[in-house]
Amino acid sequence: MSWSDQEAREHVARAEALLARLDTLPDPDVREQVAETLAAVVALYGEGLARVLRHADDTGAAALAGDELVGHLLLVHDLHPEPADARVRRALGRVRAAGGAELVALDGRVARVGLRARGCASSAEATRQEVRDAVGWAAPEIDRVEFEEEAAPMPLIAVDSLFRAGAGSGR
Protein backbone atom coordinates (compact mmCIF):
# COMPACT_ATOMS: atom_id res chain seq x y z
CA MET A 1 0.00 0.00 0.00
CA SER A 2 1.35 3.41 -0.93
CA TRP A 3 0.28 6.52 0.98
CA SER A 4 -0.38 9.87 -0.62
CA ASP A 5 1.50 12.82 0.86
CA GLN A 6 -1.68 13.83 2.70
CA GLU A 7 -2.06 10.35 4.20
CA ALA A 8 1.61 10.42 5.22
CA ARG A 9 1.08 13.81 6.93
CA GLU A 10 -1.92 12.37 8.79
CA HIS A 11 0.12 9.37 9.95
CA VAL A 12 2.97 11.63 11.08
CA ALA A 13 0.51 13.76 13.07
CA ARG A 14 -1.04 10.64 14.64
CA ALA A 15 2.40 9.26 15.56
CA GLU A 16 3.39 12.59 17.13
CA ALA A 17 0.14 12.67 19.13
CA LEU A 18 0.69 9.10 20.35
CA LEU A 19 4.27 9.90 21.34
CA ALA A 20 3.10 12.97 23.26
CA ARG A 21 0.69 10.79 25.23
CA LEU A 22 3.43 8.43 26.42
CA ASP A 23 4.23 10.81 29.27
CA THR A 24 0.76 10.14 30.69
CA LEU A 25 1.41 6.42 31.28
CA PRO A 26 1.02 5.91 35.03
CA ASP A 27 3.79 3.34 35.51
CA PRO A 28 7.26 4.94 35.25
CA ASP A 29 8.91 1.55 34.50
CA VAL A 30 6.54 1.00 31.56
CA ARG A 31 7.16 4.57 30.34
CA GLU A 32 10.91 3.99 30.44
CA GLN A 33 10.66 0.61 28.67
CA VAL A 34 8.44 2.05 25.92
CA ALA A 35 10.78 5.04 25.48
CA GLU A 36 13.84 2.74 25.25
CA THR A 37 12.08 0.46 22.77
CA LEU A 38 11.08 3.39 20.56
CA ALA A 39 14.58 4.85 20.74
CA ALA A 40 16.05 1.50 19.65
CA VAL A 41 13.64 1.20 16.71
CA VAL A 42 14.25 4.80 15.64
CA ALA A 43 18.04 4.30 15.84
CA LEU A 44 17.74 1.10 13.77
CA TYR A 45 15.73 2.83 11.05
CA GLY A 46 18.05 5.83 11.15
CA GLU A 47 21.05 3.62 10.52
CA GLY A 48 19.17 1.94 7.68
CA LEU A 49 18.40 5.30 6.09
CA ALA A 50 22.02 6.41 6.50
CA ARG A 51 23.17 3.28 4.66
CA VAL A 52 20.65 3.87 1.86
CA LEU A 53 22.00 7.40 1.44
CA ARG A 54 25.61 6.14 1.36
CA HIS A 55 24.68 3.87 -1.55
CA ALA A 56 22.85 6.63 -3.44
CA ASP A 57 24.63 9.10 -5.68
CA ASP A 58 23.84 12.83 -5.38
CA THR A 59 20.90 12.53 -7.78
CA GLY A 60 19.46 9.54 -5.93
CA ALA A 61 19.89 11.20 -2.54
CA ALA A 62 18.15 14.33 -3.81
CA ALA A 63 15.30 12.23 -5.23
CA LEU A 64 14.91 10.41 -1.92
CA ALA A 65 14.97 13.68 0.03
CA GLY A 66 12.46 15.18 -2.40
CA ASP A 67 9.83 12.63 -1.39
CA GLU A 68 7.83 14.33 1.36
CA LEU A 69 7.69 11.39 3.77
CA VAL A 70 11.24 10.14 3.14
CA GLY A 71 12.52 13.70 3.43
CA HIS A 72 10.74 14.05 6.78
CA LEU A 73 12.31 10.80 8.02
CA LEU A 74 15.74 12.01 6.88
CA LEU A 75 15.16 15.18 8.90
CA VAL A 76 14.27 13.17 12.01
CA HIS A 77 17.62 11.43 11.73
CA ASP A 78 19.57 14.57 10.77
CA LEU A 79 20.42 12.99 7.41
CA HIS A 80 18.72 15.36 4.99
CA PRO A 81 21.21 16.29 2.25
CA GLU A 82 19.61 19.68 1.55
CA PRO A 83 20.30 22.67 3.85
CA ALA A 84 17.42 24.19 5.81
CA ASP A 85 17.36 27.45 3.85
CA ALA A 86 16.85 25.60 0.54
CA ARG A 87 14.06 23.47 2.05
CA VAL A 88 12.35 26.57 3.46
CA ARG A 89 12.59 28.43 0.13
CA ARG A 90 11.03 25.48 -1.70
CA ALA A 91 8.24 25.20 0.88
CA LEU A 92 7.52 28.93 0.68
CA GLY A 93 7.26 28.62 -3.09
CA ARG A 94 4.27 26.34 -2.53
CA VAL A 95 2.48 28.73 -0.15
CA ARG A 96 -0.57 30.27 -1.77
CA ALA A 97 0.12 33.74 -0.36
CA ALA A 98 -1.37 36.28 -2.75
CA GLY A 99 1.67 38.52 -2.79
CA GLY A 100 4.19 35.78 -2.19
CA ALA A 101 6.32 34.68 0.70
CA GLU A 102 10.09 34.58 0.58
CA LEU A 103 12.85 33.71 2.98
CA VAL A 104 14.64 36.89 4.03
CA ALA A 105 17.10 35.26 6.42
CA LEU A 106 17.71 32.17 8.46
CA ASP A 107 19.30 33.11 11.77
CA GLY A 108 20.03 29.97 13.73
CA ARG A 109 16.65 28.48 14.54
CA VAL A 110 14.63 31.54 13.42
CA ALA A 111 13.34 32.06 9.88
CA ARG A 112 12.54 35.63 8.82
CA VAL A 113 9.97 35.58 6.04
CA GLY A 114 8.92 38.50 3.89
CA LEU A 115 5.21 38.71 3.09
CA ARG A 116 3.42 41.13 0.86
CA ALA A 117 0.30 42.18 2.78
CA ARG A 118 -2.96 41.77 0.93
CA GLY A 119 -6.54 41.29 2.02
CA CYS A 120 -8.14 41.52 5.42
CA ALA A 121 -6.54 40.77 8.77
CA SER A 122 -8.05 37.27 8.98
CA SER A 123 -6.71 36.26 5.57
CA ALA A 124 -3.30 37.72 6.49
CA GLU A 125 -3.28 35.61 9.68
CA ALA A 126 -4.31 32.54 7.67
CA THR A 127 -1.38 33.19 5.32
CA ARG A 128 1.02 33.58 8.27
CA GLN A 129 -0.24 30.25 9.68
CA GLU A 130 0.16 28.58 6.29
CA VAL A 131 3.75 29.87 6.18
CA ARG A 132 4.45 28.62 9.74
CA ASP A 133 3.05 25.20 8.83
CA ALA A 134 5.07 25.01 5.60
CA VAL A 135 8.30 26.01 7.35
CA GLY A 136 7.62 23.61 10.24
CA TRP A 137 7.14 20.70 7.88
CA ALA A 138 10.11 21.52 5.62
CA ALA A 139 12.53 22.41 8.41
CA PRO A 140 11.40 21.15 11.83
CA GLU A 141 14.68 22.39 13.29
CA ILE A 142 13.33 25.96 12.89
CA ASP A 143 11.82 27.05 16.22
CA ARG A 144 10.23 30.33 15.17
CA VAL A 145 9.06 32.21 12.08
CA GLU A 146 9.16 36.00 12.15
CA PHE A 147 7.46 38.08 9.50
CA GLU A 148 8.55 41.18 7.67
CA GLU A 149 5.41 42.43 6.01
CA GLU A 150 5.25 45.13 3.38
CA ALA A 151 2.15 46.69 1.95
CA ALA A 152 1.17 45.70 -1.55
CA PRO A 153 2.00 48.41 -4.10
CA MET A 154 -0.85 50.70 -5.03
CA PRO A 155 -2.35 49.99 -8.44
CA LEU A 156 -1.58 52.40 -11.24
CA ILE A 157 -5.27 53.27 -11.56
CA ALA A 158 -7.34 53.06 -8.41
CA VAL A 159 -10.10 50.52 -9.05
CA ASP A 160 -12.73 52.60 -7.20
CA SER A 161 -12.16 55.50 -9.62
CA LEU A 162 -13.43 53.30 -12.44
CA PHE A 163 -16.80 53.00 -10.75
CA ARG A 164 -17.44 56.66 -9.87
CA ALA A 165 -20.51 58.22 -11.40
CA GLY A 166 -19.76 59.45 -14.88
CA ALA A 167 -16.26 57.91 -15.06
CA GLY A 168 -15.55 56.75 -18.56
CA SER A 169 -18.92 57.93 -19.88
CA GLY A 170 -17.48 60.99 -21.59
CA ARG A 171 -19.51 63.43 -19.48
C-alpha atoms as a PDB file:
ATOM      1  CA  MET A   1       0.000   0.000   0.000  1.00  0.00           C
ATOM      2  CA  SER A   2       1.351   3.412  -0.929  1.00  0.00           C
ATOM      3  CA  TRP A   3       0.284   6.516   0.977  1.00  0.00           C
ATOM      4  CA  SER A   4      -0.379   9.872  -0.624  1.00  0.00           C
ATOM      5  CA  ASP A   5       1.498  12.818   0.856  1.00  0.00           C
ATOM      6  CA  GLN A   6      -1.677  13.834   2.696  1.00  0.00           C
ATOM      7  CA  GLU A   7      -2.063  10.349   4.198  1.00  0.00           C
ATOM      8  CA  ALA A   8       1.611  10.418   5.216  1.00  0.00           C
ATOM      9  CA  ARG A   9       1.078  13.807   6.935  1.00  0.00           C
ATOM     10  CA  GLU A  10      -1.918  12.375   8.794  1.00  0.00           C
ATOM     11  CA  HIS A  11       0.121   9.368   9.955  1.00  0.00           C
ATOM     12  CA  VAL A  12       2.971  11.629  11.076  1.00  0.00           C
ATOM     13  CA  ALA A  13       0.509  13.765  13.067  1.00  0.00           C
ATOM     14  CA  ARG A  14      -1.037  10.640  14.636  1.00  0.00           C
ATOM     15  CA  ALA A  15       2.403   9.256  15.558  1.00  0.00           C
ATOM     16  CA  GLU A  16       3.390  12.586  17.131  1.00  0.00           C
ATOM     17  CA  ALA A  17       0.139  12.665  19.131  1.00  0.00           C
ATOM     18  CA  LEU A  18       0.694   9.104  20.349  1.00  0.00           C
ATOM     19  CA  LEU A  19       4.269   9.902  21.340  1.00  0.00           C
ATOM     20  CA  ALA A  20       3.105  12.966  23.260  1.00  0.00           C
ATOM     21  CA  ARG A  21       0.688  10.785  25.234  1.00  0.00           C
ATOM     22  CA  LEU A  22       3.426   8.428  26.424  1.00  0.00           C
ATOM     23  CA  ASP A  23       4.226  10.812  29.267  1.00  0.00           C
ATOM     24  CA  THR A  24       0.760  10.136  30.686  1.00  0.00           C
ATOM     25  CA  LEU A  25       1.415   6.422  31.282  1.00  0.00           C
ATOM     26  CA  PRO A  26       1.022   5.911  35.030  1.00  0.00           C
ATOM     27  CA  ASP A  27       3.791   3.341  35.512  1.00  0.00           C
ATOM     28  CA  PRO A  28       7.260   4.939  35.254  1.00  0.00           C
ATOM     29  CA  ASP A  29       8.911   1.551  34.496  1.00  0.00           C
ATOM     30  CA  VAL A  30       6.538   1.001  31.557  1.00  0.00           C
ATOM     31  CA  ARG A  31       7.163   4.575  30.341  1.00  0.00           C
ATOM     32  CA  GLU A  32      10.907   3.987  30.438  1.00  0.00           C
ATOM     33  CA  GLN A  33      10.663   0.609  28.667  1.00  0.00           C
ATOM     34  CA  VAL A  34       8.438   2.054  25.924  1.00  0.00           C
ATOM     35  CA  ALA A  35      10.783   5.044  25.475  1.00  0.00           C
ATOM     36  CA  GLU A  36      13.843   2.743  25.253  1.00  0.00           C
ATOM     37  CA  THR A  37      12.083   0.457  22.773  1.00  0.00           C
ATOM     38  CA  LEU A  38      11.076   3.390  20.560  1.00  0.00           C
ATOM     39  CA  ALA A  39      14.585   4.848  20.735  1.00  0.00           C
ATOM     40  CA  ALA A  40      16.053   1.496  19.655  1.00  0.00           C
ATOM     41  CA  VAL A  41      13.641   1.196  16.707  1.00  0.00           C
ATOM     42  CA  VAL A  42      14.250   4.800  15.636  1.00  0.00           C
ATOM     43  CA  ALA A  43      18.037   4.297  15.841  1.00  0.00           C
ATOM     44  CA  LEU A  44      17.738   1.098  13.774  1.00  0.00           C
ATOM     45  CA  TYR A  45      15.729   2.827  11.045  1.00  0.00           C
ATOM     46  CA  GLY A  46      18.045   5.835  11.149  1.00  0.00           C
ATOM     47  CA  GLU A  47      21.053   3.616  10.520  1.00  0.00           C
ATOM     48  CA  GLY A  48      19.167   1.941   7.680  1.00  0.00           C
ATOM     49  CA  LEU A  49      18.397   5.302   6.089  1.00  0.00           C
ATOM     50  CA  ALA A  50      22.019   6.413   6.500  1.00  0.00           C
ATOM     51  CA  ARG A  51      23.166   3.280   4.661  1.00  0.00           C
ATOM     52  CA  VAL A  52      20.647   3.865   1.861  1.00  0.00           C
ATOM     53  CA  LEU A  53      22.001   7.403   1.441  1.00  0.00           C
ATOM     54  CA  ARG A  54      25.606   6.145   1.365  1.00  0.00           C
ATOM     55  CA  HIS A  55      24.679   3.868  -1.555  1.00  0.00           C
ATOM     56  CA  ALA A  56      22.854   6.628  -3.440  1.00  0.00           C
ATOM     57  CA  ASP A  57      24.627   9.098  -5.679  1.00  0.00           C
ATOM     58  CA  ASP A  58      23.840  12.827  -5.379  1.00  0.00           C
ATOM     59  CA  THR A  59      20.902  12.534  -7.784  1.00  0.00           C
ATOM     60  CA  GLY A  60      19.464   9.539  -5.935  1.00  0.00           C
ATOM     61  CA  ALA A  61      19.887  11.201  -2.538  1.00  0.00           C
ATOM     62  CA  ALA A  62      18.151  14.333  -3.813  1.00  0.00           C
ATOM     63  CA  ALA A  63      15.303  12.231  -5.232  1.00  0.00           C
ATOM     64  CA  LEU A  64      14.911  10.409  -1.918  1.00  0.00           C
ATOM     65  CA  ALA A  65      14.970  13.675   0.027  1.00  0.00           C
ATOM     66  CA  GLY A  66      12.460  15.183  -2.400  1.00  0.00           C
ATOM     67  CA  ASP A  67       9.832  12.633  -1.394  1.00  0.00           C
ATOM     68  CA  GLU A  68       7.830  14.327   1.358  1.00  0.00           C
ATOM     69  CA  LEU A  69       7.691  11.385   3.773  1.00  0.00           C
ATOM     70  CA  VAL A  70      11.236  10.140   3.142  1.00  0.00           C
ATOM     71  CA  GLY A  71      12.522  13.702   3.429  1.00  0.00           C
ATOM     72  CA  HIS A  72      10.744  14.051   6.784  1.00  0.00           C
ATOM     73  CA  LEU A  73      12.310  10.803   8.017  1.00  0.00           C
ATOM     74  CA  LEU A  74      15.737  12.010   6.884  1.00  0.00           C
ATOM     75  CA  LEU A  75      15.165  15.183   8.900  1.00  0.00           C
ATOM     76  CA  VAL A  76      14.269  13.169  12.008  1.00  0.00           C
ATOM     77  CA  HIS A  77      17.625  11.428  11.729  1.00  0.00           C
ATOM     78  CA  ASP A  78      19.574  14.567  10.766  1.00  0.00           C
ATOM     79  CA  LEU A  79      20.422  12.985   7.413  1.00  0.00           C
ATOM     80  CA  HIS A  80      18.725  15.361   4.994  1.00  0.00           C
ATOM     81  CA  PRO A  81      21.210  16.295   2.251  1.00  0.00           C
ATOM     82  CA  GLU A  82      19.608  19.681   1.549  1.00  0.00           C
ATOM     83  CA  PRO A  83      20.298  22.667   3.850  1.00  0.00           C
ATOM     84  CA  ALA A  84      17.418  24.185   5.809  1.00  0.00           C
ATOM     85  CA  ASP A  85      17.356  27.451   3.846  1.00  0.00           C
ATOM     86  CA  ALA A  86      16.847  25.600   0.542  1.00  0.00           C
ATOM     87  CA  ARG A  87      14.062  23.473   2.050  1.00  0.00           C
ATOM     88  CA  VAL A  88      12.354  26.569   3.458  1.00  0.00           C
ATOM     89  CA  ARG A  89      12.586  28.430   0.129  1.00  0.00           C
ATOM     90  CA  ARG A  90      11.033  25.485  -1.697  1.00  0.00           C
ATOM     91  CA  ALA A  91       8.242  25.196   0.877  1.00  0.00           C
ATOM     92  CA  LEU A  92       7.520  28.933   0.680  1.00  0.00           C
ATOM     93  CA  GLY A  93       7.259  28.621  -3.091  1.00  0.00           C
ATOM     94  CA  ARG A  94       4.268  26.338  -2.533  1.00  0.00           C
ATOM     95  CA  VAL A  95       2.482  28.727  -0.151  1.00  0.00           C
ATOM     96  CA  ARG A  96      -0.572  30.272  -1.768  1.00  0.00           C
ATOM     97  CA  ALA A  97       0.117  33.742  -0.356  1.00  0.00           C
ATOM     98  CA  ALA A  98      -1.374  36.284  -2.745  1.00  0.00           C
ATOM     99  CA  GLY A  99       1.675  38.520  -2.793  1.00  0.00           C
ATOM    100  CA  GLY A 100       4.189  35.777  -2.191  1.00  0.00           C
ATOM    101  CA  ALA A 101       6.317  34.678   0.696  1.00  0.00           C
ATOM    102  CA  GLU A 102      10.088  34.583   0.577  1.00  0.00           C
ATOM    103  CA  LEU A 103      12.846  33.710   2.982  1.00  0.00           C
ATOM    104  CA  VAL A 104      14.643  36.894   4.028  1.00  0.00           C
ATOM    105  CA  ALA A 105      17.101  35.265   6.424  1.00  0.00           C
ATOM    106  CA  LEU A 106      17.711  32.168   8.458  1.00  0.00           C
ATOM    107  CA  ASP A 107      19.301  33.114  11.769  1.00  0.00           C
ATOM    108  CA  GLY A 108      20.026  29.968  13.729  1.00  0.00           C
ATOM    109  CA  ARG A 109      16.647  28.484  14.542  1.00  0.00           C
ATOM    110  CA  VAL A 110      14.633  31.539  13.422  1.00  0.00           C
ATOM    111  CA  ALA A 111      13.345  32.060   9.885  1.00  0.00           C
ATOM    112  CA  ARG A 112      12.536  35.629   8.823  1.00  0.00           C
ATOM    113  CA  VAL A 113       9.968  35.576   6.039  1.00  0.00           C
ATOM    114  CA  GLY A 114       8.920  38.503   3.894  1.00  0.00           C
ATOM    115  CA  LEU A 115       5.213  38.711   3.086  1.00  0.00           C
ATOM    116  CA  ARG A 116       3.417  41.134   0.863  1.00  0.00           C
ATOM    117  CA  ALA A 117       0.302  42.178   2.778  1.00  0.00           C
ATOM    118  CA  ARG A 118      -2.961  41.769   0.925  1.00  0.00           C
ATOM    119  CA  GLY A 119      -6.538  41.293   2.020  1.00  0.00           C
ATOM    120  CA  CYS A 120      -8.145  41.519   5.416  1.00  0.00           C
ATOM    121  CA  ALA A 121      -6.537  40.770   8.766  1.00  0.00           C
ATOM    122  CA  SER A 122      -8.055  37.272   8.983  1.00  0.00           C
ATOM    123  CA  SER A 123      -6.706  36.263   5.567  1.00  0.00           C
ATOM    124  CA  ALA A 124      -3.303  37.715   6.494  1.00  0.00           C
ATOM    125  CA  GLU A 125      -3.278  35.612   9.676  1.00  0.00           C
ATOM    126  CA  ALA A 126      -4.313  32.539   7.674  1.00  0.00           C
ATOM    127  CA  THR A 127      -1.380  33.186   5.325  1.00  0.00           C
ATOM    128  CA  ARG A 128       1.017  33.579   8.267  1.00  0.00           C
ATOM    129  CA  GLN A 129      -0.237  30.254   9.681  1.00  0.00           C
ATOM    130  CA  GLU A 130       0.164  28.579   6.294  1.00  0.00           C
ATOM    131  CA  VAL A 131       3.753  29.870   6.183  1.00  0.00           C
ATOM    132  CA  ARG A 132       4.447  28.623   9.738  1.00  0.00           C
ATOM    133  CA  ASP A 133       3.049  25.198   8.829  1.00  0.00           C
ATOM    134  CA  ALA A 134       5.074  25.013   5.600  1.00  0.00           C
ATOM    135  CA  VAL A 135       8.304  26.011   7.353  1.00  0.00           C
ATOM    136  CA  GLY A 136       7.617  23.614  10.241  1.00  0.00           C
ATOM    137  CA  TRP A 137       7.142  20.696   7.879  1.00  0.00           C
ATOM    138  CA  ALA A 138      10.108  21.520   5.623  1.00  0.00           C
ATOM    139  CA  ALA A 139      12.526  22.410   8.411  1.00  0.00           C
ATOM    140  CA  PRO A 140      11.404  21.146  11.827  1.00  0.00           C
ATOM    141  CA  GLU A 141      14.676  22.395  13.285  1.00  0.00           C
ATOM    142  CA  ILE A 142      13.332  25.961  12.893  1.00  0.00           C
ATOM    143  CA  ASP A 143      11.823  27.052  16.220  1.00  0.00           C
ATOM    144  CA  ARG A 144      10.232  30.332  15.166  1.00  0.00           C
ATOM    145  CA  VAL A 145       9.060  32.206  12.083  1.00  0.00           C
ATOM    146  CA  GLU A 146       9.164  36.000  12.150  1.00  0.00           C
ATOM    147  CA  PHE A 147       7.465  38.079   9.502  1.00  0.00           C
ATOM    148  CA  GLU A 148       8.550  41.180   7.665  1.00  0.00           C
ATOM    149  CA  GLU A 149       5.413  42.432   6.009  1.00  0.00           C
ATOM    150  CA  GLU A 150       5.254  45.125   3.382  1.00  0.00           C
ATOM    151  CA  ALA A 151       2.152  46.694   1.951  1.00  0.00           C
ATOM    152  CA  ALA A 152       1.167  45.698  -1.547  1.00  0.00           C
ATOM    153  CA  PRO A 153       1.996  48.405  -4.095  1.00  0.00           C
ATOM    154  CA  MET A 154      -0.855  50.702  -5.028  1.00  0.00           C
ATOM    155  CA  PRO A 155      -2.355  49.989  -8.441  1.00  0.00           C
ATOM    156  CA  LEU A 156      -1.581  52.403 -11.243  1.00  0.00           C
ATOM    157  CA  ILE A 157      -5.274  53.271 -11.557  1.00  0.00           C
ATOM    158  CA  ALA A 158      -7.339  53.062  -8.413  1.00  0.00           C
ATOM    159  CA  VAL A 159     -10.103  50.524  -9.049  1.00  0.00           C
ATOM    160  CA  ASP A 160     -12.725  52.598  -7.200  1.00  0.00           C
ATOM    161  CA  SER A 161     -12.155  55.501  -9.616  1.00  0.00           C
ATOM    162  CA  LEU A 162     -13.432  53.299 -12.437  1.00  0.00           C
ATOM    163  CA  PHE A 163     -16.797  53.004 -10.751  1.00  0.00           C
ATOM    164  CA  ARG A 164     -17.438  56.655  -9.869  1.00  0.00           C
ATOM    165  CA  ALA A 165     -20.515  58.216 -11.401  1.00  0.00           C
ATOM    166  CA  GLY A 166     -19.756  59.450 -14.876  1.00  0.00           C
ATOM    167  CA  ALA A 167     -16.261  57.913 -15.057  1.00  0.00           C
ATOM    168  CA  GLY A 168     -15.546  56.755 -18.560  1.00  0.00           C
ATOM    169  CA  SER A 169     -18.923  57.935 -19.875  1.00  0.00           C
ATOM    170  CA  GLY A 170     -17.482  60.991 -21.591  1.00  0.00           C
ATOM    171  CA  ARG A 171     -19.511  63.431 -19.483  1.00  0.00           C
END
